[in-house]
């Protein structure tokens, strides 16, 4: 290990040597295809067929021709190429002769810069190895419209209210469709039940008739000598007095909501 002092900055270098070799076969590949090193480490590639090492874009399609990009030269039959990585970051590379020969170099840093400790990866304290930096699936909440550097928005959380998972629940499961922008709340499907008791009711009617009592005629007829009778039968009436309607309380309100930005570690 080496220590480098840069004015107010202090950096630590492991100066390890990492070797990457070409594995021949039906589909040639670099082994290992992805390596993680620290600033100051040296990586060496070795191949036996007609290959080379050229820095590429993240899709391993175009060759990186920017100043400082690494390049071993034109493809050659058998060879080796070494490069020391001093700047933290992720580097992609490929062989220009074989499409399957692609790989990634991840360079991490351990330094003290103007009162700030910069440490990528794990560190050991009192015998306990601890992860330094965001853990996989770690999510942070921000009151802003943009995630800070190194973080990206969690797309699967957009429009959903966060709920602590119930017993048996699986983290990440989503129920129903997400809220649209400025949508206040939703009312789930439901029914209302009403029971009406009818205490009964009655009708009022009036009956009128005539009776004839003379001349030996025992039948009924209408005449001057007959007697008319009238009778009225009235029954009391009542109503239920029940009204069924929808009551809208004056103190009703929607679910309180606050829009926040959920971010996750980029690339984790």
C-alpha atoms as a PDB file:
ATOM      1  CA  UNK A   1       0.000   0.000   0.000  1.00  0.00           C
ATOM      2  CA  UNK A   2       1.137   3.515  -0.735  1.00  0.00           C
ATOM      3  CA  UNK A   3       0.099   6.941   0.538  1.00  0.00           C
ATOM      4  CA  UNK A   4       0.058  10.013  -1.673  1.00  0.00           C
ATOM      5  CA  UNK A   5      -0.263  13.591  -0.419  1.00  0.00           C
ATOM      6  CA  UNK A   6      -1.747  16.253  -2.713  1.00  0.00           C
ATOM      7  CA  UNK A   7      -1.807  19.574  -0.871  1.00  0.00           C
ATOM      8  CA  UNK A   8      -4.846  19.300   1.382  1.00  0.00           C
ATOM      9  CA  UNK A   9      -5.714  15.865   0.045  1.00  0.00           C
ATOM     10  CA  UNK A  10      -4.471  12.452   1.113  1.00  0.00           C
ATOM     11  CA  UNK A  11      -5.051   9.311  -0.942  1.00  0.00           C
ATOM     12  CA  UNK A  12      -4.210   5.680  -0.309  1.00  0.00           C
ATOM     13  CA  UNK A  13      -3.169   3.278  -3.067  1.00  0.00           C
ATOM     14  CA  UNK A  14      -3.165  -0.490  -2.863  1.00  0.00           C
ATOM     15  CA  UNK A  15      -0.922  -0.793  -5.951  1.00  0.00           C
ATOM     16  CA  UNK A  16      -2.159  -4.323  -6.560  1.00  0.00           C
ATOM     17  CA  UNK A  17      -1.656  -6.134  -9.868  1.00  0.00           C
ATOM     18  CA  UNK A  18      -4.656  -7.670 -11.623  1.00  0.00           C
ATOM     19  CA  UNK A  19      -4.325  -9.992 -14.604  1.00  0.00           C
ATOM     20  CA  UNK A  20      -6.995 -10.560 -17.236  1.00  0.00           C
ATOM     21  CA  UNK A  21      -6.501 -13.296 -19.808  1.00  0.00           C
ATOM     22  CA  UNK A  22      -8.229 -14.382 -22.992  1.00  0.00           C
ATOM     23  CA  UNK A  23     -10.096 -17.684 -22.807  1.00  0.00           C
ATOM     24  CA  UNK A  24     -10.338 -19.403 -26.174  1.00  0.00           C
ATOM     25  CA  UNK A  25     -13.356 -21.496 -27.131  1.00  0.00           C
ATOM     26  CA  UNK A  26     -16.511 -21.388 -29.202  1.00  0.00           C
ATOM     27  CA  UNK A  27     -17.136 -17.925 -27.751  1.00  0.00           C
ATOM     28  CA  UNK A  28     -13.867 -16.299 -26.643  1.00  0.00           C
ATOM     29  CA  UNK A  29     -14.066 -14.088 -23.559  1.00  0.00           C
ATOM     30  CA  UNK A  30     -11.946 -12.192 -21.074  1.00  0.00           C
ATOM     31  CA  UNK A  31     -11.557 -13.805 -17.649  1.00  0.00           C
ATOM     32  CA  UNK A  32     -12.575 -12.250 -15.410  1.00  0.00           C
ATOM     33  CA  UNK A  33     -14.851 -10.110 -17.570  1.00  0.00           C
ATOM     34  CA  UNK A  34     -15.437  -7.585 -14.766  1.00  0.00           C
ATOM     35  CA  UNK A  35     -12.889  -6.611 -12.124  1.00  0.00           C
ATOM     36  CA  UNK A  36     -12.903  -4.096  -9.282  1.00  0.00           C
ATOM     37  CA  UNK A  37      -9.677  -2.327  -8.350  1.00  0.00           C
ATOM     38  CA  UNK A  38      -8.613   0.733  -6.366  1.00  0.00           C
ATOM     39  CA  UNK A  39      -6.895   3.822  -7.640  1.00  0.00           C
ATOM     40  CA  UNK A  40      -3.236   3.007  -8.180  1.00  0.00           C
ATOM     41  CA  UNK A  41      -3.805  -0.629  -9.174  1.00  0.00           C
ATOM     42  CA  UNK A  42      -2.422  -1.990 -12.455  1.00  0.00           C
ATOM     43  CA  UNK A  43      -4.400  -4.228 -14.796  1.00  0.00           C
ATOM     44  CA  UNK A  44      -2.655  -6.467 -17.342  1.00  0.00           C
ATOM     45  CA  UNK A  45      -4.373  -8.151 -20.285  1.00  0.00           C
ATOM     46  CA  UNK A  46      -2.857 -11.130 -22.086  1.00  0.00           C
ATOM     47  CA  UNK A  47      -4.078 -12.891 -25.235  1.00  0.00           C
ATOM     48  CA  UNK A  48      -2.856 -15.539 -27.632  1.00  0.00           C
ATOM     49  CA  UNK A  49      -4.987 -14.951 -30.728  1.00  0.00           C
ATOM     50  CA  UNK A  50      -5.379 -11.897 -32.971  1.00  0.00           C
ATOM     51  CA  UNK A  51      -6.735  -9.413 -30.394  1.00  0.00           C
ATOM     52  CA  UNK A  52      -6.240  -6.028 -28.780  1.00  0.00           C
ATOM     53  CA  UNK A  53      -7.677  -3.904 -25.937  1.00  0.00           C
ATOM     54  CA  UNK A  54      -9.553  -0.691 -26.710  1.00  0.00           C
ATOM     55  CA  UNK A  55     -11.656   1.483 -24.394  1.00  0.00           C
ATOM     56  CA  UNK A  56     -15.290   1.483 -25.555  1.00  0.00           C
ATOM     57  CA  UNK A  57     -18.668   2.958 -24.678  1.00  0.00           C
ATOM     58  CA  UNK A  58     -21.024   1.239 -22.232  1.00  0.00           C
ATOM     59  CA  UNK A  59     -22.698  -0.677 -25.087  1.00  0.00           C
ATOM     60  CA  UNK A  60     -19.309  -2.061 -26.189  1.00  0.00           C
ATOM     61  CA  UNK A  61     -19.987  -0.814 -29.709  1.00  0.00           C
ATOM     62  CA  UNK A  62     -18.038   2.368 -30.373  1.00  0.00           C
ATOM     63  CA  UNK A  63     -14.374   2.858 -29.538  1.00  0.00           C
ATOM     64  CA  UNK A  64     -13.676   5.695 -27.097  1.00  0.00           C
ATOM     65  CA  UNK A  65     -11.398   8.113 -28.922  1.00  0.00           C
ATOM     66  CA  UNK A  66     -11.446  10.894 -26.325  1.00  0.00           C
ATOM     67  CA  UNK A  67      -8.103  12.147 -24.969  1.00  0.00           C
ATOM     68  CA  UNK A  68      -6.789   9.801 -22.295  1.00  0.00           C
ATOM     69  CA  UNK A  69      -8.732   6.759 -23.488  1.00  0.00           C
ATOM     70  CA  UNK A  70      -6.648   3.586 -23.345  1.00  0.00           C
ATOM     71  CA  UNK A  71      -5.706   1.583 -26.436  1.00  0.00           C
ATOM     72  CA  UNK A  72      -3.206  -1.245 -26.826  1.00  0.00           C
ATOM     73  CA  UNK A  73      -2.772  -0.746 -30.549  1.00  0.00           C
ATOM     74  CA  UNK A  74      -4.002  -2.628 -33.585  1.00  0.00           C
ATOM     75  CA  UNK A  75      -4.992  -6.309 -33.099  1.00  0.00           C
ATOM     76  CA  UNK A  76      -1.923  -8.514 -32.939  1.00  0.00           C
ATOM     77  CA  UNK A  77      -1.343 -12.246 -32.714  1.00  0.00           C
ATOM     78  CA  UNK A  78      -0.502 -12.827 -29.082  1.00  0.00           C
ATOM     79  CA  UNK A  79       0.421 -10.019 -26.774  1.00  0.00           C
ATOM     80  CA  UNK A  80      -0.052  -8.231 -23.472  1.00  0.00           C
ATOM     81  CA  UNK A  81      -1.023  -4.769 -22.360  1.00  0.00           C
ATOM     82  CA  UNK A  82      -0.754  -3.155 -18.913  1.00  0.00           C
ATOM     83  CA  UNK A  83      -2.395  -0.006 -17.594  1.00  0.00           C
ATOM     84  CA  UNK A  84      -2.410   1.684 -14.202  1.00  0.00           C
ATOM     85  CA  UNK A  85      -5.770   3.189 -13.209  1.00  0.00           C
ATOM     86  CA  UNK A  86      -5.513   6.334 -11.092  1.00  0.00           C
ATOM     87  CA  UNK A  87      -8.944   7.892 -11.621  1.00  0.00           C
ATOM     88  CA  UNK A  88     -12.023   6.313 -10.012  1.00  0.00           C
ATOM     89  CA  UNK A  89     -14.832   5.387 -12.375  1.00  0.00           C
ATOM     90  CA  UNK A  90     -16.160   2.623 -14.584  1.00  0.00           C
ATOM     91  CA  UNK A  91     -14.266   1.752 -17.749  1.00  0.00           C
ATOM     92  CA  UNK A  92     -15.537  -0.409 -20.609  1.00  0.00           C
ATOM     93  CA  UNK A  93     -13.294  -2.118 -23.123  1.00  0.00           C
ATOM     94  CA  UNK A  94     -13.387  -4.564 -26.022  1.00  0.00           C
ATOM     95  CA  UNK A  95     -11.304  -6.255 -28.658  1.00  0.00           C
ATOM     96  CA  UNK A  96     -11.740  -4.832 -32.134  1.00  0.00           C
ATOM     97  CA  UNK A  97     -11.345  -8.286 -33.632  1.00  0.00           C
ATOM     98  CA  UNK A  98     -13.818 -10.355 -31.579  1.00  0.00           C
ATOM     99  CA  UNK A  99     -17.248  -9.063 -30.523  1.00  0.00           C
ATOM    100  CA  UNK A 100     -17.514 -11.380 -27.493  1.00  0.00           C
ATOM    101  CA  UNK A 101     -14.286 -10.071 -25.928  1.00  0.00           C
ATOM    102  CA  UNK A 102     -15.729  -7.276 -23.792  1.00  0.00           C
ATOM    103  CA  UNK A 103     -15.164  -6.340 -20.174  1.00  0.00           C
ATOM    104  CA  UNK A 104     -15.498  -3.763 -17.416  1.00  0.00           C
ATOM    105  CA  UNK A 105     -13.000  -2.227 -15.007  1.00  0.00           C
ATOM    106  CA  UNK A 106     -14.435  -0.576 -11.880  1.00  0.00           C
ATOM    107  CA  UNK A 107     -11.943   1.721 -10.156  1.00  0.00           C
ATOM    108  CA  UNK A 108     -12.717   2.764  -6.567  1.00  0.00           C
ATOM    109  CA  UNK A 109     -11.121   5.331  -4.312  1.00  0.00           C
ATOM    110  CA  UNK A 110      -9.907   5.668  -0.748  1.00  0.00           C
ATOM    111  CA  UNK A 111      -8.834   9.210   0.109  1.00  0.00           C
ATOM    112  CA  UNK A 112      -9.117  12.131   2.504  1.00  0.00           C
ATOM    113  CA  UNK A 113      -9.965  15.323   0.663  1.00  0.00           C
ATOM    114  CA  UNK A 114     -10.420  18.657   2.506  1.00  0.00           C
ATOM    115  CA  UNK A 115     -11.990  17.083   5.552  1.00  0.00           C
ATOM    116  CA  UNK A 116     -14.052  14.561   3.561  1.00  0.00           C
ATOM    117  CA  UNK A 117     -13.346  10.834   3.650  1.00  0.00           C
ATOM    118  CA  UNK A 118     -13.917   9.163   0.298  1.00  0.00           C
ATOM    119  CA  UNK A 119     -14.089   5.388   0.493  1.00  0.00           C
ATOM    120  CA  UNK A 120     -15.624   3.106  -2.119  1.00  0.00           C
ATOM    121  CA  UNK A 121     -16.400  -0.455  -1.172  1.00  0.00           C
ATOM    122  CA  UNK A 122     -15.992  -2.238   2.174  1.00  0.00           C
ATOM    123  CA  UNK A 123     -13.759  -1.463   5.120  1.00  0.00           C
ATOM    124  CA  UNK A 124     -12.847  -3.380   8.264  1.00  0.00           C
ATOM    125  CA  UNK A 125     -13.203  -1.748  11.687  1.00  0.00           C
ATOM    126  CA  UNK A 126     -12.401  -3.704  14.866  1.00  0.00           C
ATOM    127  CA  UNK A 127     -12.558  -6.924  12.896  1.00  0.00           C
ATOM    128  CA  UNK A 128     -15.986  -6.171  11.427  1.00  0.00           C
ATOM    129  CA  UNK A 129     -16.275  -5.725   7.670  1.00  0.00           C
ATOM    130  CA  UNK A 130     -18.741  -2.985   6.833  1.00  0.00           C
ATOM    131  CA  UNK A 131     -20.128  -1.792   3.546  1.00  0.00           C
ATOM    132  CA  UNK A 132     -19.278   1.824   2.826  1.00  0.00           C
ATOM    133  CA  UNK A 133     -21.783   3.481   0.601  1.00  0.00           C
ATOM    134  CA  UNK A 134     -25.297   2.605  -0.521  1.00  0.00           C
ATOM    135  CA  UNK A 135     -26.397  -0.966  -0.055  1.00  0.00           C
ATOM    136  CA  UNK A 136     -28.206  -2.867  -2.779  1.00  0.00           C
ATOM    137  CA  UNK A 137     -31.893  -1.824  -2.975  1.00  0.00           C
ATOM    138  CA  UNK A 138     -31.284   1.101  -0.598  1.00  0.00           C
ATOM    139  CA  UNK A 139     -33.753   3.945  -1.161  1.00  0.00           C
ATOM    140  CA  UNK A 140     -33.518   7.551   0.010  1.00  0.00           C
ATOM    141  CA  UNK A 141     -36.184  10.239   0.054  1.00  0.00           C
ATOM    142  CA  UNK A 142     -35.600  13.816  -1.096  1.00  0.00           C
ATOM    143  CA  UNK A 143     -37.684  17.001  -1.224  1.00  0.00           C
ATOM    144  CA  UNK A 144     -36.578  18.003  -4.677  1.00  0.00           C
ATOM    145  CA  UNK A 145     -37.075  17.264  -8.351  1.00  0.00           C
ATOM    146  CA  UNK A 146     -33.640  15.794  -9.091  1.00  0.00           C
ATOM    147  CA  UNK A 147     -31.655  13.025  -7.458  1.00  0.00           C
ATOM    148  CA  UNK A 148     -28.170  13.942  -6.205  1.00  0.00           C
ATOM    149  CA  UNK A 149     -25.088  12.649  -8.022  1.00  0.00           C
ATOM    150  CA  UNK A 150     -24.760   8.880  -7.789  1.00  0.00           C
ATOM    151  CA  UNK A 151     -28.485   8.360  -7.319  1.00  0.00           C
ATOM    152  CA  UNK A 152     -31.382   7.803  -9.715  1.00  0.00           C
ATOM    153  CA  UNK A 153     -35.161   7.935  -9.350  1.00  0.00           C
ATOM    154  CA  UNK A 154     -36.987   4.712  -8.413  1.00  0.00           C
ATOM    155  CA  UNK A 155     -39.406   4.334 -11.358  1.00  0.00           C
ATOM    156  CA  UNK A 156     -41.509   1.546  -9.837  1.00  0.00           C
ATOM    157  CA  UNK A 157     -42.507   3.782  -6.892  1.00  0.00           C
ATOM    158  CA  UNK A 158     -43.955   6.626  -8.995  1.00  0.00           C
ATOM    159  CA  UNK A 159     -47.561   7.351  -8.025  1.00  0.00           C
ATOM    160  CA  UNK A 160     -47.738   4.801  -5.204  1.00  0.00           C
ATOM    161  CA  UNK A 161     -48.276   5.420  -1.481  1.00  0.00           C
ATOM    162  CA  UNK A 162     -45.616   3.592   0.548  1.00  0.00           C
ATOM    163  CA  UNK A 163     -46.908   0.986   3.007  1.00  0.00           C
ATOM    164  CA  UNK A 164     -44.914  -1.134   5.433  1.00  0.00           C
ATOM    165  CA  UNK A 165     -45.279  -4.662   4.149  1.00  0.00           C
ATOM    166  CA  UNK A 166     -47.755  -6.850   6.059  1.00  0.00           C
ATOM    167  CA  UNK A 167     -46.984 -10.310   7.375  1.00  0.00           C
ATOM    168  CA  UNK A 168     -46.309 -12.505   4.367  1.00  0.00           C
ATOM    169  CA  UNK A 169     -45.995  -9.552   2.029  1.00  0.00           C
ATOM    170  CA  UNK A 170     -43.144  -9.259  -0.471  1.00  0.00           C
ATOM    171  CA  UNK A 171     -41.215  -5.992  -0.685  1.00  0.00           C
ATOM    172  CA  UNK A 172     -41.660  -4.383  -4.093  1.00  0.00           C
ATOM    173  CA  UNK A 173     -45.139  -5.788  -4.769  1.00  0.00           C
ATOM    174  CA  UNK A 174     -47.537  -3.190  -6.180  1.00  0.00           C
ATOM    175  CA  UNK A 175     -51.331  -3.168  -5.849  1.00  0.00           C
ATOM    176  CA  UNK A 176     -53.760  -1.317  -8.119  1.00  0.00           C
ATOM    177  CA  UNK A 177     -52.869   1.450 -10.541  1.00  0.00           C
ATOM    178  CA  UNK A 178     -50.729   4.470  -9.549  1.00  0.00           C
ATOM    179  CA  UNK A 179     -52.049   7.944  -8.810  1.00  0.00           C
ATOM    180  CA  UNK A 180     -52.068  10.454 -11.634  1.00  0.00           C
ATOM    181  CA  UNK A 181     -50.561  13.881 -11.032  1.00  0.00           C
ATOM    182  CA  UNK A 182     -52.819  15.981  -8.727  1.00  0.00           C
ATOM    183  CA  UNK A 183     -55.217  13.073  -8.162  1.00  0.00           C
ATOM    184  CA  UNK A 184     -56.426  13.572  -4.583  1.00  0.00           C
ATOM    185  CA  UNK A 185     -57.881  10.220  -3.537  1.00  0.00           C
ATOM    186  CA  UNK A 186     -60.005   7.260  -4.590  1.00  0.00           C
ATOM    187  CA  UNK A 187     -63.127   5.607  -3.200  1.00  0.00           C
ATOM    188  CA  UNK A 188     -63.094   1.808  -3.514  1.00  0.00           C
ATOM    189  CA  UNK A 189     -66.184  -0.047  -4.805  1.00  0.00           C
ATOM    190  CA  UNK A 190     -68.783  -0.365  -2.024  1.00  0.00           C
ATOM    191  CA  UNK A 191     -72.545  -0.581  -1.362  1.00  0.00           C
ATOM    192  CA  UNK A 192     -74.982   1.111   1.024  1.00  0.00           C
ATOM    193  CA  UNK A 193     -77.740  -0.834   2.830  1.00  0.00           C
ATOM    194  CA  UNK A 194     -80.974   0.677   4.215  1.00  0.00           C
ATOM    195  CA  UNK A 195     -83.734  -1.045   6.210  1.00  0.00           C
ATOM    196  CA  UNK A 196     -87.212   0.577   6.154  1.00  0.00           C
ATOM    197  CA  UNK A 197     -89.893  -0.582   8.630  1.00  0.00           C
ATOM    198  CA  UNK A 198     -93.501   0.176   7.511  1.00  0.00           C
ATOM    199  CA  UNK A 199     -95.827   0.564  10.530  1.00  0.00           C
ATOM    200  CA  UNK A 200     -98.908   0.019   8.336  1.00  0.00           C
ATOM    201  CA  UNK A 201    -101.582   2.253   6.802  1.00  0.00           C
ATOM    202  CA  UNK A 202    -105.372   2.369   6.227  1.00  0.00           C
ATOM    203  CA  UNK A 203    -107.937   3.667   3.708  1.00  0.00           C
ATOM    204  CA  UNK A 204    -111.147   5.744   4.244  1.00  0.00           C
ATOM    205  CA  UNK A 205    -114.346   5.022   2.233  1.00  0.00           C
ATOM    206  CA  UNK A 206    -118.092   6.063   2.295  1.00  0.00           C
ATOM    207  CA  UNK A 207    -121.095   3.782   1.488  1.00  0.00           C
ATOM    208  CA  UNK A 208    -124.584   5.145   0.510  1.00  0.00           C
ATOM    209  CA  UNK A 209    -127.829   3.074  -0.137  1.00  0.00           C
ATOM    210  CA  UNK A 210    -131.702   3.120  -0.183  1.00  0.00           C
ATOM    211  CA  UNK A 211    -134.311   0.869   1.460  1.00  0.00           C
ATOM    212  CA  UNK A 212    -138.088   0.593   0.483  1.00  0.00           C
ATOM    213  CA  UNK A 213    -140.442  -0.708   3.241  1.00  0.00           C
ATOM    214  CA  UNK A 214    -144.034  -0.482   1.802  1.00  0.00           C
ATOM    215  CA  UNK A 215    -146.417  -2.213  -0.709  1.00  0.00           C
ATOM    216  CA  UNK A 216    -145.322  -5.706   0.139  1.00  0.00           C
ATOM    217  CA  UNK A 217    -142.356  -5.409  -2.140  1.00  0.00           C
ATOM    218  CA  UNK A 218    -139.465  -6.922  -0.409  1.00  0.00           C
ATOM    219  CA  UNK A 219    -136.893  -5.740  -2.854  1.00  0.00           C
ATOM    220  CA  UNK A 220    -134.886  -2.566  -2.887  1.00  0.00           C
ATOM    221  CA  UNK A 221    -135.924   0.333  -5.083  1.00  0.00           C
ATOM    222  CA  UNK A 222    -135.469   4.023  -5.295  1.00  0.00           C
ATOM    223  CA  UNK A 223    -138.721   6.037  -4.649  1.00  0.00           C
ATOM    224  CA  UNK A 224    -140.308   8.837  -2.706  1.00  0.00           C
ATOM    225  CA  UNK A 225    -141.792   6.510  -0.135  1.00  0.00           C
ATOM    226  CA  UNK A 226    -138.565   4.740   0.592  1.00  0.00           C
ATOM    227  CA  UNK A 227    -136.023   5.492   3.159  1.00  0.00           C
ATOM    228  CA  UNK A 228    -132.527   6.405   2.306  1.00  0.00           C
ATOM    229  CA  UNK A 229    -129.673   5.575   4.578  1.00  0.00           C
ATOM    230  CA  UNK A 230    -126.106   6.612   4.356  1.00  0.00           C
ATOM    231  CA  UNK A 231    -123.162   5.285   6.282  1.00  0.00           C
ATOM    232  CA  UNK A 232    -119.566   6.443   6.384  1.00  0.00           C
ATOM    233  CA  UNK A 233    -116.671   4.240   7.496  1.00  0.00           C
ATOM    234  CA  UNK A 234    -113.404   5.970   8.177  1.00  0.00           C
ATOM    235  CA  UNK A 235    -110.139   4.288   9.162  1.00  0.00           C
ATOM    236  CA  UNK A 236    -107.099   6.120  10.422  1.00  0.00           C
ATOM    237  CA  UNK A 237    -104.171   6.528   8.020  1.00  0.00           C
ATOM    238  CA  UNK A 238    -100.425   6.768   8.713  1.00  0.00           C
ATOM    239  CA  UNK A 239     -97.145   7.121   6.851  1.00  0.00           C
ATOM    240  CA  UNK A 240     -93.722   5.638   7.475  1.00  0.00           C
ATOM    241  CA  UNK A 241     -91.978   8.967   7.943  1.00  0.00           C
ATOM    242  CA  UNK A 242     -88.739   7.396   6.653  1.00  0.00           C
ATOM    243  CA  UNK A 243     -86.523   9.236   4.159  1.00  0.00           C
ATOM    244  CA  UNK A 244     -83.602   7.481   2.445  1.00  0.00           C
ATOM    245  CA  UNK A 245     -80.902   9.693   0.987  1.00  0.00           C
ATOM    246  CA  UNK A 246     -77.173  10.399   0.886  1.00  0.00           C
ATOM    247  CA  UNK A 247     -75.685  12.449   3.653  1.00  0.00           C
ATOM    248  CA  UNK A 248     -72.580  14.410   2.694  1.00  0.00           C
ATOM    249  CA  UNK A 249     -70.698  15.414   5.842  1.00  0.00           C
ATOM    250  CA  UNK A 250     -69.404  18.960   5.832  1.00  0.00           C
ATOM    251  CA  UNK A 251     -66.082  17.943   7.436  1.00  0.00           C
ATOM    252  CA  UNK A 252     -65.105  15.345   4.790  1.00  0.00           C
ATOM    253  CA  UNK A 253     -61.569  15.567   3.397  1.00  0.00           C
ATOM    254  CA  UNK A 254     -59.128  13.646   1.183  1.00  0.00           C
ATOM    255  CA  UNK A 255     -56.054  11.673   2.173  1.00  0.00           C
ATOM    256  CA  UNK A 256     -53.167  13.967   3.153  1.00  0.00           C
ATOM    257  CA  UNK A 257     -50.342  13.605   0.641  1.00  0.00           C
ATOM    258  CA  UNK A 258     -46.858  15.019   0.190  1.00  0.00           C
ATOM    259  CA  UNK A 259     -44.944  14.530  -3.043  1.00  0.00           C
ATOM    260  CA  UNK A 260     -41.349  13.404  -2.492  1.00  0.00           C
ATOM    261  CA  UNK A 261     -38.599  12.021  -4.696  1.00  0.00           C
ATOM    262  CA  UNK A 262     -37.417   8.471  -4.057  1.00  0.00           C
ATOM    263  CA  UNK A 263     -33.883   7.739  -5.258  1.00  0.00           C
ATOM    264  CA  UNK A 264     -31.778   4.592  -5.375  1.00  0.00           C
ATOM    265  CA  UNK A 265     -28.053   4.189  -5.822  1.00  0.00           C
ATOM    266  CA  UNK A 266     -27.248   4.312  -9.510  1.00  0.00           C
ATOM    267  CA  UNK A 267     -25.990   1.011 -10.873  1.00  0.00           C
ATOM    268  CA  UNK A 268     -26.515  -0.911  -7.600  1.00  0.00           C
END
